[in-house]
Amino acid sequence: MNPTVLVAYATRCGSTLEVAQAVAQDLKARGYAAVVCAVDKVGKLSAYQAVVLGSSVRFGRWLPEAVGFVRRLQAELKRLPTAFFTVHMQNLGADAASRKNRLAYIDPVRAMVRPGAEAFFAGKLDTRRLSLGARMLCKLMKTANQDLRDWSAIHAWAQGIVLSRTKS
């Protein structure tokens, strides 16, 4: 029987869901049974042998529902192999300040559960899918629609993550 991996996600506009679906597709190609589900639809983790969790970033942090998922299931997550991915539109550089800011996105989550793997992916901005307030803010800041996702990097990460328990 193939191990079943939950690929859970929190998204505002759908970009993180699309990344989660790509990760699940790659896990399936590696022989896992992968289930994609929004974090607010997940009850217990007893049916899964590993968890990949992704969230988009708003105001410099993972979405509250993703943090709540980790808080609520912290004990179970600590017993399972885990991997976290973040989809974001800022701090995309290779410089030390960008790296530090990216890591800070998930500091509260990492304090609860230490993942076996982490990745940060540039995201997609589609202002038509934002709330009215967010659209107005983007217009004020002259922020354009853009898709910066690097599908090669996403697939490479998904094909390389280790989802077996290697630590005690």
N, C-alpha and C. Protein backbone atom coordinates (compact mmCIF):
# COMPACT_ATOMS: atom_id res chain seq x y z
N MET A 1 0.84 -1.18 0.00
CA MET A 1 0.00 0.00 0.00
C MET A 1 0.88 1.25 0.00
N ASN A 2 0.57 2.19 -0.87
CA ASN A 2 1.33 3.43 -0.97
C ASN A 2 1.02 4.35 0.21
N PRO A 3 2.05 5.01 0.76
CA PRO A 3 1.79 5.98 1.83
C PRO A 3 0.90 7.11 1.32
N THR A 4 0.00 7.56 2.17
CA THR A 4 -0.90 8.65 1.81
C THR A 4 -0.39 9.96 2.41
N VAL A 5 -0.24 10.95 1.56
CA VAL A 5 0.27 12.25 1.96
C VAL A 5 -0.86 13.27 1.81
N LEU A 6 -1.07 14.03 2.87
CA LEU A 6 -2.00 15.16 2.80
C LEU A 6 -1.23 16.37 2.30
N VAL A 7 -1.72 16.99 1.25
CA VAL A 7 -1.17 18.26 0.78
C VAL A 7 -2.23 19.30 1.13
N ALA A 8 -2.04 19.95 2.26
CA ALA A 8 -2.99 20.93 2.76
C ALA A 8 -2.52 22.33 2.39
N TYR A 9 -3.45 23.22 2.20
CA TYR A 9 -3.09 24.57 1.76
C TYR A 9 -4.05 25.61 2.32
N ALA A 10 -3.54 26.84 2.39
CA ALA A 10 -4.36 28.02 2.70
C ALA A 10 -4.05 29.05 1.62
N THR A 11 -5.08 29.59 1.02
CA THR A 11 -4.91 30.51 -0.09
C THR A 11 -5.95 31.61 -0.03
N ARG A 12 -5.66 32.73 -0.63
CA ARG A 12 -6.64 33.81 -0.74
C ARG A 12 -7.19 33.90 -2.16
N CYS A 13 -6.33 33.68 -3.14
CA CYS A 13 -6.74 33.90 -4.53
C CYS A 13 -6.54 32.68 -5.44
N GLY A 14 -6.13 31.56 -4.87
CA GLY A 14 -6.03 30.34 -5.66
C GLY A 14 -4.64 29.93 -6.09
N SER A 15 -3.66 30.81 -6.02
CA SER A 15 -2.32 30.48 -6.47
C SER A 15 -1.70 29.36 -5.63
N THR A 16 -1.90 29.39 -4.33
CA THR A 16 -1.33 28.36 -3.46
C THR A 16 -2.01 27.02 -3.70
N LEU A 17 -3.29 27.02 -3.98
CA LEU A 17 -3.99 25.79 -4.35
C LEU A 17 -3.34 25.19 -5.59
N GLU A 18 -3.06 26.00 -6.59
CA GLU A 18 -2.45 25.50 -7.83
C GLU A 18 -1.07 24.90 -7.55
N VAL A 19 -0.30 25.51 -6.65
CA VAL A 19 1.00 24.96 -6.28
C VAL A 19 0.79 23.64 -5.55
N ALA A 20 -0.17 23.59 -4.63
CA ALA A 20 -0.47 22.35 -3.90
C ALA A 20 -0.84 21.22 -4.86
N GLN A 21 -1.63 21.54 -5.87
CA GLN A 21 -2.02 20.53 -6.86
C GLN A 21 -0.81 20.02 -7.64
N ALA A 22 0.11 20.91 -7.97
CA ALA A 22 1.33 20.50 -8.68
C ALA A 22 2.19 19.61 -7.79
N VAL A 23 2.31 19.97 -6.50
CA VAL A 23 3.09 19.15 -5.56
C VAL A 23 2.46 17.76 -5.46
N ALA A 24 1.14 17.70 -5.32
CA ALA A 24 0.45 16.41 -5.22
C ALA A 24 0.67 15.57 -6.48
N GLN A 25 0.62 16.21 -7.63
CA GLN A 25 0.84 15.50 -8.89
C GLN A 25 2.23 14.86 -8.90
N ASP A 26 3.23 15.60 -8.44
CA ASP A 26 4.59 15.06 -8.41
C ASP A 26 4.73 13.95 -7.37
N LEU A 27 4.05 14.09 -6.24
CA LEU A 27 4.08 13.03 -5.23
C LEU A 27 3.43 11.76 -5.76
N LYS A 28 2.34 11.90 -6.48
CA LYS A 28 1.69 10.74 -7.09
C LYS A 28 2.61 10.06 -8.08
N ALA A 29 3.35 10.85 -8.84
CA ALA A 29 4.30 10.29 -9.81
C ALA A 29 5.41 9.52 -9.11
N ARG A 30 5.67 9.86 -7.85
CA ARG A 30 6.68 9.18 -7.05
C ARG A 30 6.12 7.97 -6.32
N GLY A 31 4.83 7.68 -6.48
CA GLY A 31 4.24 6.50 -5.87
C GLY A 31 3.44 6.74 -4.62
N TYR A 32 3.32 7.99 -4.19
CA TYR A 32 2.50 8.30 -3.03
C TYR A 32 1.04 8.42 -3.45
N ALA A 33 0.15 8.20 -2.52
CA ALA A 33 -1.25 8.57 -2.70
C ALA A 33 -1.35 9.97 -2.08
N ALA A 34 -1.66 10.97 -2.86
CA ALA A 34 -1.68 12.35 -2.37
C ALA A 34 -3.10 12.90 -2.42
N VAL A 35 -3.49 13.55 -1.33
CA VAL A 35 -4.81 14.16 -1.21
C VAL A 35 -4.62 15.65 -0.98
N VAL A 36 -5.23 16.48 -1.83
CA VAL A 36 -5.16 17.93 -1.70
C VAL A 36 -6.42 18.41 -0.98
N CYS A 37 -6.21 19.23 0.06
CA CYS A 37 -7.36 19.69 0.84
C CYS A 37 -7.05 21.03 1.49
N ALA A 38 -8.04 21.92 1.51
CA ALA A 38 -7.90 23.20 2.22
C ALA A 38 -7.77 22.92 3.71
N VAL A 39 -6.93 23.70 4.40
CA VAL A 39 -6.67 23.45 5.82
C VAL A 39 -7.93 23.49 6.66
N ASP A 40 -8.89 24.31 6.30
CA ASP A 40 -10.10 24.41 7.11
C ASP A 40 -11.07 23.25 6.88
N LYS A 41 -10.74 22.35 5.98
CA LYS A 41 -11.56 21.16 5.71
C LYS A 41 -10.95 19.90 6.30
N VAL A 42 -9.79 20.01 6.95
CA VAL A 42 -9.09 18.85 7.49
C VAL A 42 -9.48 18.67 8.95
N GLY A 43 -9.88 17.43 9.29
CA GLY A 43 -10.19 17.10 10.68
C GLY A 43 -8.95 16.57 11.37
N LYS A 44 -8.82 15.27 11.37
CA LYS A 44 -7.67 14.62 11.98
C LYS A 44 -6.70 14.17 10.89
N LEU A 45 -5.52 13.77 11.33
CA LEU A 45 -4.47 13.35 10.39
C LEU A 45 -4.24 11.85 10.42
N SER A 46 -5.09 11.09 11.07
CA SER A 46 -4.87 9.66 11.25
C SER A 46 -4.81 8.88 9.94
N ALA A 47 -5.39 9.38 8.87
CA ALA A 47 -5.39 8.68 7.59
C ALA A 47 -4.12 8.93 6.77
N TYR A 48 -3.22 9.78 7.27
CA TYR A 48 -2.06 10.20 6.50
C TYR A 48 -0.75 9.75 7.14
N GLN A 49 0.22 9.45 6.29
CA GLN A 49 1.55 9.07 6.76
C GLN A 49 2.53 10.23 6.67
N ALA A 50 2.13 11.34 6.05
CA ALA A 50 2.96 12.54 5.93
C ALA A 50 2.06 13.71 5.56
N VAL A 51 2.57 14.93 5.82
CA VAL A 51 1.80 16.14 5.51
C VAL A 51 2.72 17.15 4.84
N VAL A 52 2.25 17.67 3.72
CA VAL A 52 2.87 18.82 3.07
C VAL A 52 1.88 19.96 3.25
N LEU A 53 2.36 21.06 3.81
CA LEU A 53 1.48 22.19 4.12
C LEU A 53 1.99 23.45 3.46
N GLY A 54 1.09 24.14 2.77
CA GLY A 54 1.47 25.39 2.11
C GLY A 54 0.52 26.51 2.43
N SER A 55 1.06 27.71 2.44
CA SER A 55 0.24 28.89 2.69
C SER A 55 0.77 30.06 1.86
N SER A 56 -0.15 30.91 1.48
CA SER A 56 0.27 32.19 0.92
C SER A 56 0.57 33.12 2.08
N VAL A 57 1.11 34.28 1.75
CA VAL A 57 1.54 35.25 2.75
C VAL A 57 0.71 36.52 2.60
N ARG A 58 0.25 37.03 3.72
CA ARG A 58 -0.42 38.33 3.77
C ARG A 58 0.17 39.08 4.94
N PHE A 59 0.53 40.32 4.71
CA PHE A 59 1.09 41.18 5.76
C PHE A 59 2.28 40.53 6.47
N GLY A 60 3.12 39.85 5.67
CA GLY A 60 4.36 39.30 6.19
C GLY A 60 4.23 38.03 7.01
N ARG A 61 3.09 37.36 6.91
CA ARG A 61 2.88 36.12 7.68
C ARG A 61 2.04 35.12 6.89
N TRP A 62 2.19 33.86 7.30
CA TRP A 62 1.28 32.84 6.77
C TRP A 62 -0.15 33.23 7.10
N LEU A 63 -1.08 32.76 6.32
CA LEU A 63 -2.49 33.05 6.57
C LEU A 63 -2.92 32.48 7.92
N PRO A 64 -3.82 33.17 8.62
CA PRO A 64 -4.24 32.72 9.95
C PRO A 64 -4.77 31.29 9.97
N GLU A 65 -5.48 30.88 8.92
CA GLU A 65 -6.02 29.52 8.92
C GLU A 65 -4.93 28.46 8.82
N ALA A 66 -3.81 28.77 8.17
CA ALA A 66 -2.69 27.83 8.10
C ALA A 66 -2.01 27.73 9.47
N VAL A 67 -1.83 28.86 10.13
CA VAL A 67 -1.24 28.86 11.47
C VAL A 67 -2.17 28.13 12.43
N GLY A 68 -3.46 28.36 12.30
CA GLY A 68 -4.44 27.67 13.14
C GLY A 68 -4.44 26.16 12.93
N PHE A 69 -4.25 25.74 11.69
CA PHE A 69 -4.15 24.31 11.36
C PHE A 69 -2.99 23.69 12.13
N VAL A 70 -1.83 24.34 12.09
CA VAL A 70 -0.66 23.83 12.80
C VAL A 70 -0.91 23.83 14.30
N ARG A 71 -1.48 24.89 14.81
CA ARG A 71 -1.75 24.96 16.25
C ARG A 71 -2.71 23.84 16.67
N ARG A 72 -3.76 23.66 15.90
CA ARG A 72 -4.80 22.67 16.23
C ARG A 72 -4.28 21.23 16.14
N LEU A 73 -3.40 20.96 15.18
CA LEU A 73 -2.94 19.60 14.93
C LEU A 73 -1.46 19.41 15.27
N GLN A 74 -0.94 20.29 16.09
CA GLN A 74 0.49 20.31 16.42
C GLN A 74 0.99 18.95 16.91
N ALA A 75 0.30 18.31 17.82
CA ALA A 75 0.76 17.03 18.36
C ALA A 75 0.85 15.97 17.27
N GLU A 76 -0.16 15.91 16.41
CA GLU A 76 -0.15 14.94 15.31
C GLU A 76 0.95 15.27 14.30
N LEU A 77 1.11 16.55 13.97
CA LEU A 77 2.12 16.95 13.00
C LEU A 77 3.53 16.63 13.49
N LYS A 78 3.76 16.72 14.78
CA LYS A 78 5.09 16.41 15.33
C LYS A 78 5.45 14.94 15.16
N ARG A 79 4.44 14.08 15.02
CA ARG A 79 4.69 12.65 14.86
C ARG A 79 4.82 12.23 13.39
N LEU A 80 4.51 13.12 12.49
CA LEU A 80 4.52 12.79 11.07
C LEU A 80 5.65 13.51 10.33
N PRO A 81 6.14 12.92 9.25
CA PRO A 81 7.03 13.69 8.38
C PRO A 81 6.25 14.86 7.78
N THR A 82 6.86 16.04 7.78
CA THR A 82 6.19 17.23 7.27
C THR A 82 7.12 18.01 6.35
N ALA A 83 6.50 18.75 5.48
CA ALA A 83 7.21 19.70 4.62
C ALA A 83 6.30 20.91 4.48
N PHE A 84 6.90 22.11 4.49
CA PHE A 84 6.14 23.35 4.38
C PHE A 84 6.57 24.10 3.13
N PHE A 85 5.61 24.71 2.45
CA PHE A 85 5.96 25.64 1.38
C PHE A 85 5.16 26.92 1.54
N THR A 86 5.79 28.00 1.09
CA THR A 86 5.23 29.33 1.20
C THR A 86 5.17 29.95 -0.18
N VAL A 87 4.05 30.58 -0.50
CA VAL A 87 3.87 31.26 -1.78
C VAL A 87 3.72 32.74 -1.47
N HIS A 88 4.59 33.56 -2.07
CA HIS A 88 4.65 34.97 -1.68
C HIS A 88 5.08 35.84 -2.86
N MET A 89 4.92 37.14 -2.69
CA MET A 89 5.24 38.08 -3.78
C MET A 89 6.32 39.10 -3.39
N GLN A 90 6.81 39.05 -2.16
CA GLN A 90 7.85 39.98 -1.73
C GLN A 90 9.04 39.19 -1.23
N ASN A 91 10.16 39.89 -1.03
CA ASN A 91 11.38 39.26 -0.54
C ASN A 91 11.81 38.10 -1.44
N LEU A 92 11.85 38.37 -2.72
CA LEU A 92 12.17 37.34 -3.70
C LEU A 92 13.66 37.26 -4.02
N GLY A 93 14.44 38.18 -3.49
CA GLY A 93 15.86 38.23 -3.82
C GLY A 93 16.68 37.14 -3.15
N ALA A 94 17.93 37.05 -3.58
CA ALA A 94 18.87 36.09 -3.01
C ALA A 94 19.70 36.72 -1.89
N ASP A 95 19.49 37.99 -1.61
CA ASP A 95 20.26 38.70 -0.59
C ASP A 95 19.86 38.25 0.82
N ALA A 96 20.71 38.54 1.78
CA ALA A 96 20.49 38.11 3.17
C ALA A 96 19.20 38.68 3.75
N ALA A 97 18.89 39.93 3.47
CA ALA A 97 17.68 40.55 4.01
C ALA A 97 16.43 39.84 3.48
N SER A 98 16.39 39.52 2.19
CA SER A 98 15.24 38.80 1.62
C SER A 98 15.11 37.42 2.25
N ARG A 99 16.22 36.71 2.39
CA ARG A 99 16.18 35.38 3.00
C ARG A 99 15.66 35.45 4.44
N LYS A 100 16.14 36.42 5.18
CA LYS A 100 15.71 36.59 6.58
C LYS A 100 14.21 36.89 6.64
N ASN A 101 13.73 37.75 5.78
CA ASN A 101 12.31 38.10 5.76
C ASN A 101 11.44 36.92 5.36
N ARG A 102 11.92 36.10 4.40
CA ARG A 102 11.17 34.91 4.01
C ARG A 102 11.04 33.94 5.18
N LEU A 103 12.15 33.71 5.88
CA LEU A 103 12.11 32.80 7.01
C LEU A 103 11.15 33.29 8.09
N ALA A 104 11.06 34.60 8.25
CA ALA A 104 10.18 35.17 9.28
C ALA A 104 8.70 34.91 8.97
N TYR A 105 8.35 34.66 7.71
CA TYR A 105 6.96 34.38 7.37
C TYR A 105 6.41 33.23 8.20
N ILE A 106 7.25 32.23 8.46
CA ILE A 106 6.74 31.04 9.14
C ILE A 106 7.37 30.81 10.52
N ASP A 107 8.03 31.81 11.07
CA ASP A 107 8.59 31.66 12.41
C ASP A 107 7.56 31.16 13.43
N PRO A 108 6.34 31.71 13.47
CA PRO A 108 5.37 31.21 14.46
C PRO A 108 5.02 29.74 14.25
N VAL A 109 4.98 29.31 13.00
CA VAL A 109 4.65 27.92 12.68
C VAL A 109 5.83 27.01 13.01
N ARG A 110 7.01 27.44 12.62
CA ARG A 110 8.21 26.65 12.87
C ARG A 110 8.46 26.48 14.36
N ALA A 111 8.02 27.42 15.18
CA ALA A 111 8.16 27.30 16.63
C ALA A 111 7.29 26.17 17.17
N MET A 112 6.21 25.84 16.46
CA MET A 112 5.31 24.76 16.90
C MET A 112 5.72 23.41 16.33
N VAL A 113 6.07 23.39 15.04
CA VAL A 113 6.43 22.15 14.34
C VAL A 113 7.60 22.44 13.43
N ARG A 114 8.65 21.66 13.56
CA ARG A 114 9.83 21.82 12.72
C ARG A 114 9.69 20.91 11.50
N PRO A 115 9.50 21.49 10.30
CA PRO A 115 9.32 20.64 9.12
C PRO A 115 10.63 19.99 8.68
N GLY A 116 10.49 18.87 7.99
CA GLY A 116 11.66 18.20 7.42
C GLY A 116 12.19 18.93 6.21
N ALA A 117 11.33 19.69 5.54
CA ALA A 117 11.73 20.45 4.36
C ALA A 117 10.89 21.73 4.30
N GLU A 118 11.49 22.78 3.77
CA GLU A 118 10.79 24.06 3.57
C GLU A 118 11.14 24.59 2.19
N ALA A 119 10.20 25.29 1.60
CA ALA A 119 10.47 25.95 0.33
C ALA A 119 9.67 27.25 0.27
N PHE A 120 10.23 28.20 -0.44
CA PHE A 120 9.58 29.50 -0.65
C PHE A 120 9.50 29.72 -2.15
N PHE A 121 8.27 29.91 -2.63
CA PHE A 121 8.05 30.09 -4.06
C PHE A 121 7.42 31.45 -4.34
N ALA A 122 7.92 32.10 -5.37
CA ALA A 122 7.27 33.33 -5.84
C ALA A 122 5.87 32.96 -6.30
N GLY A 123 4.93 33.86 -6.10
CA GLY A 123 3.53 33.56 -6.37
C GLY A 123 2.97 34.27 -7.58
N LYS A 124 1.67 34.45 -7.53
CA LYS A 124 0.91 35.06 -8.60
C LYS A 124 0.00 36.11 -7.99
N LEU A 125 -0.08 37.25 -8.64
CA LEU A 125 -1.01 38.29 -8.21
C LEU A 125 -2.02 38.52 -9.32
N ASP A 126 -3.26 38.27 -9.01
CA ASP A 126 -4.38 38.54 -9.91
C ASP A 126 -5.33 39.44 -9.15
N THR A 127 -5.21 40.74 -9.37
CA THR A 127 -5.97 41.71 -8.58
C THR A 127 -7.48 41.52 -8.70
N ARG A 128 -7.93 40.90 -9.78
CA ARG A 128 -9.38 40.67 -9.95
C ARG A 128 -9.92 39.73 -8.89
N ARG A 129 -9.05 38.93 -8.27
CA ARG A 129 -9.48 37.96 -7.27
C ARG A 129 -9.34 38.48 -5.85
N LEU A 130 -8.89 39.70 -5.71
CA LEU A 130 -8.70 40.29 -4.38
C LEU A 130 -9.98 40.98 -3.90
N SER A 131 -10.03 41.24 -2.61
CA SER A 131 -11.14 42.01 -2.05
C SER A 131 -11.09 43.43 -2.60
N LEU A 132 -12.17 44.15 -2.45
CA LEU A 132 -12.23 45.53 -2.94
C LEU A 132 -11.13 46.37 -2.29
N GLY A 133 -10.96 46.24 -0.99
CA GLY A 133 -9.92 47.01 -0.29
C GLY A 133 -8.53 46.69 -0.79
N ALA A 134 -8.26 45.42 -0.99
CA ALA A 134 -6.94 45.01 -1.49
C ALA A 134 -6.73 45.49 -2.92
N ARG A 135 -7.78 45.43 -3.75
CA ARG A 135 -7.66 45.94 -5.13
C ARG A 135 -7.35 47.43 -5.13
N MET A 136 -8.01 48.17 -4.25
CA MET A 136 -7.77 49.61 -4.19
C MET A 136 -6.33 49.90 -3.74
N LEU A 137 -5.85 49.13 -2.78
CA LEU A 137 -4.47 49.29 -2.32
C LEU A 137 -3.49 48.99 -3.45
N CYS A 138 -3.75 47.94 -4.22
CA CYS A 138 -2.88 47.61 -5.36
C CYS A 138 -2.90 48.73 -6.40
N LYS A 139 -4.09 49.28 -6.63
CA LYS A 139 -4.20 50.38 -7.60
C LYS A 139 -3.43 51.60 -7.11
N LEU A 140 -3.56 51.91 -5.84
CA LEU A 140 -2.86 53.04 -5.25
C LEU A 140 -1.34 52.85 -5.35
N MET A 141 -0.89 51.61 -5.15
CA MET A 141 0.55 51.31 -5.19
C MET A 141 1.03 50.97 -6.61
N LYS A 142 0.09 51.03 -7.58
CA LYS A 142 0.41 50.74 -8.98
C LYS A 142 1.02 49.35 -9.15
N THR A 143 0.40 48.37 -8.45
CA THR A 143 0.84 46.99 -8.51
C THR A 143 0.14 46.30 -9.67
N ALA A 144 0.90 45.67 -10.54
CA ALA A 144 0.35 45.03 -11.73
C ALA A 144 0.12 43.54 -11.48
N ASN A 145 -0.82 42.98 -12.23
CA ASN A 145 -1.00 41.53 -12.23
C ASN A 145 0.27 40.88 -12.74
N GLN A 146 0.66 39.79 -12.10
CA GLN A 146 1.85 39.07 -12.54
C GLN A 146 1.85 37.66 -12.00
N ASP A 147 2.47 36.78 -12.74
CA ASP A 147 2.63 35.39 -12.31
C ASP A 147 4.12 35.10 -12.31
N LEU A 148 4.69 35.01 -11.11
CA LEU A 148 6.12 34.80 -10.95
C LEU A 148 6.46 33.36 -10.55
N ARG A 149 5.46 32.48 -10.56
CA ARG A 149 5.72 31.11 -10.13
C ARG A 149 6.71 30.43 -11.07
N ASP A 150 7.67 29.77 -10.48
CA ASP A 150 8.68 29.01 -11.22
C ASP A 150 8.31 27.54 -11.10
N TRP A 151 7.57 27.06 -12.09
CA TRP A 151 7.06 25.70 -12.03
C TRP A 151 8.18 24.67 -12.01
N SER A 152 9.28 24.95 -12.64
CA SER A 152 10.42 24.02 -12.59
C SER A 152 10.93 23.87 -11.16
N ALA A 153 11.04 24.98 -10.43
CA ALA A 153 11.51 24.93 -9.04
C ALA A 153 10.49 24.23 -8.16
N ILE A 154 9.22 24.47 -8.39
CA ILE A 154 8.16 23.82 -7.61
C ILE A 154 8.22 22.31 -7.82
N HIS A 155 8.28 21.89 -9.07
CA HIS A 155 8.34 20.45 -9.37
C HIS A 155 9.62 19.82 -8.83
N ALA A 156 10.73 20.51 -8.95
CA ALA A 156 12.00 19.96 -8.44
C ALA A 156 11.92 19.75 -6.93
N TRP A 157 11.34 20.71 -6.22
CA TRP A 157 11.21 20.56 -4.77
C TRP A 157 10.30 19.38 -4.43
N ALA A 158 9.15 19.31 -5.09
CA ALA A 158 8.20 18.23 -4.81
C ALA A 158 8.80 16.86 -5.13
N GLN A 159 9.63 16.80 -6.15
CA GLN A 159 10.24 15.52 -6.53
C GLN A 159 11.38 15.13 -5.59
N GLY A 160 11.86 16.10 -4.82
CA GLY A 160 13.00 15.82 -3.96
C GLY A 160 12.72 15.75 -2.48
N ILE A 161 11.52 16.17 -2.04
CA ILE A 161 11.28 16.16 -0.59
C ILE A 161 11.21 14.73 -0.07
N VAL A 162 11.74 14.56 1.11
CA VAL A 162 11.75 13.26 1.78
C VAL A 162 10.59 13.25 2.77
N LEU A 163 9.70 12.29 2.61
CA LEU A 163 8.52 12.21 3.46
C LEU A 163 8.51 10.91 4.27
N SER A 164 9.66 10.58 4.83
CA SER A 164 9.74 9.45 5.74
C SER A 164 10.32 9.94 7.04
N ARG A 165 9.98 9.29 8.09
CA ARG A 165 10.45 9.70 9.41
C ARG A 165 11.92 9.32 9.54
N THR A 166 12.78 10.37 9.61
CA THR A 166 14.21 10.12 9.74
C THR A 166 14.75 10.64 11.05
N LYS A 167 13.88 11.31 11.82
CA LYS A 167 14.33 11.86 13.10
C LYS A 167 13.43 11.33 14.20
N SER A 168 13.90 11.38 15.42
CA SER A 168 13.09 10.87 16.52
C SER A 168 12.25 11.96 17.14
